[in-house]
Amino acid sequence: MGTGERSEKIRTYNFPQSRVTDHRIGLSLHRLDVVLDGDLDELTEALAAADLAALTATSG
């Protein structure tokens, strides 16, 4: 879990490598053009899975 500070990175878009990285879950996708076109399914599914795993871990 992050600190919520303004300087904390959430996501990085690397155009030369066609990569988007979500730093909260450590996911890198090498399909930046697809993400920018609005296809966020893989990203949102990974975020939901990480959230569920975190909730499961804290609830015992």
C-alpha atoms as a PDB file:
ATOM      1  CA  MET A   1       0.000   0.000   0.000  1.00  0.00           C
ATOM      2  CA  GLY A   2       1.310   3.399  -0.904  1.00  0.00           C
ATOM      3  CA  THR A   3       1.623   6.475   1.204  1.00  0.00           C
ATOM      4  CA  GLY A   4      -0.733   8.574  -0.881  1.00  0.00           C
ATOM      5  CA  GLU A   5       1.911  11.243  -1.336  1.00  0.00           C
ATOM      6  CA  ARG A   6       1.641  13.346  -4.450  1.00  0.00           C
ATOM      7  CA  SER A   7       5.115  12.297  -5.613  1.00  0.00           C
ATOM      8  CA  GLU A   8       4.206   8.605  -5.521  1.00  0.00           C
ATOM      9  CA  LYS A   9       3.984   7.078  -9.007  1.00  0.00           C
ATOM     10  CA  ILE A  10       0.821   5.254  -9.952  1.00  0.00           C
ATOM     11  CA  ARG A  11       1.416   4.594 -13.615  1.00  0.00           C
ATOM     12  CA  THR A  12       4.158   5.289 -16.152  1.00  0.00           C
ATOM     13  CA  TYR A  13       3.638   5.543 -19.898  1.00  0.00           C
ATOM     14  CA  ASN A  14       6.818   4.796 -21.860  1.00  0.00           C
ATOM     15  CA  PHE A  15       6.203   5.682 -25.514  1.00  0.00           C
ATOM     16  CA  PRO A  16       9.579   4.575 -26.999  1.00  0.00           C
ATOM     17  CA  GLN A  17       9.073   1.073 -25.569  1.00  0.00           C
ATOM     18  CA  SER A  18       5.273   1.033 -26.088  1.00  0.00           C
ATOM     19  CA  ARG A  19       4.958   0.122 -22.405  1.00  0.00           C
ATOM     20  CA  VAL A  20       2.603   1.089 -19.611  1.00  0.00           C
ATOM     21  CA  THR A  21       3.546   0.154 -16.048  1.00  0.00           C
ATOM     22  CA  ASP A  22       1.230   0.240 -13.058  1.00  0.00           C
ATOM     23  CA  HIS A  23       3.567   0.686 -10.105  1.00  0.00           C
ATOM     24  CA  ARG A  24       0.941  -0.226  -7.506  1.00  0.00           C
ATOM     25  CA  ILE A  25       0.938  -3.865  -8.610  1.00  0.00           C
ATOM     26  CA  GLY A  26       4.168  -4.046 -10.629  1.00  0.00           C
ATOM     27  CA  LEU A  27       2.415  -4.822 -13.915  1.00  0.00           C
ATOM     28  CA  SER A  28       3.995  -3.838 -17.228  1.00  0.00           C
ATOM     29  CA  LEU A  29       2.099  -4.172 -20.491  1.00  0.00           C
ATOM     30  CA  HIS A  30       3.874  -3.735 -23.815  1.00  0.00           C
ATOM     31  CA  ARG A  31       0.746  -2.562 -25.619  1.00  0.00           C
ATOM     32  CA  LEU A  32       0.611   1.144 -24.895  1.00  0.00           C
ATOM     33  CA  ASP A  33      -1.337   1.882 -28.077  1.00  0.00           C
ATOM     34  CA  VAL A  34      -4.109  -0.526 -27.031  1.00  0.00           C
ATOM     35  CA  VAL A  35      -4.327   0.997 -23.546  1.00  0.00           C
ATOM     36  CA  LEU A  36      -4.469   4.517 -24.966  1.00  0.00           C
ATOM     37  CA  ASP A  37      -7.255   3.399 -27.315  1.00  0.00           C
ATOM     38  CA  GLY A  38      -9.285   2.565 -24.210  1.00  0.00           C
ATOM     39  CA  ASP A  39      -8.829  -1.197 -23.899  1.00  0.00           C
ATOM     40  CA  LEU A  40      -8.157  -1.313 -20.163  1.00  0.00           C
ATOM     41  CA  ASP A  41      -9.479  -4.827 -19.518  1.00  0.00           C
ATOM     42  CA  GLU A  42      -6.147  -6.496 -18.739  1.00  0.00           C
ATOM     43  CA  LEU A  43      -5.093  -3.605 -16.533  1.00  0.00           C
ATOM     44  CA  THR A  44      -8.352  -3.414 -14.584  1.00  0.00           C
ATOM     45  CA  GLU A  45      -8.528  -7.195 -14.169  1.00  0.00           C
ATOM     46  CA  ALA A  46      -4.998  -7.238 -12.742  1.00  0.00           C
ATOM     47  CA  LEU A  47      -5.854  -4.364 -10.374  1.00  0.00           C
ATOM     48  CA  ALA A  48      -9.023  -6.148  -9.224  1.00  0.00           C
ATOM     49  CA  ALA A  49      -7.093  -9.395  -8.650  1.00  0.00           C
ATOM     50  CA  ALA A  50      -4.435  -7.563  -6.623  1.00  0.00           C
ATOM     51  CA  ASP A  51      -7.126  -5.827  -4.581  1.00  0.00           C
ATOM     52  CA  LEU A  52      -8.877  -9.131  -3.886  1.00  0.00           C
ATOM     53  CA  ALA A  53      -5.587 -10.749  -2.873  1.00  0.00           C
ATOM     54  CA  ALA A  54      -4.847  -7.877  -0.489  1.00  0.00           C
ATOM     55  CA  LEU A  55      -8.330  -8.100   1.043  1.00  0.00           C
ATOM     56  CA  THR A  56      -8.025 -11.861   1.425  1.00  0.00           C
ATOM     57  CA  ALA A  57      -4.619 -11.538   3.077  1.00  0.00           C
ATOM     58  CA  THR A  58      -5.845  -8.987   5.605  1.00  0.00           C
ATOM     59  CA  SER A  59      -9.066 -10.806   6.459  1.00  0.00           C
ATOM     60  CA  GLY A  60      -7.285 -13.948   7.425  1.00  0.00           C
END
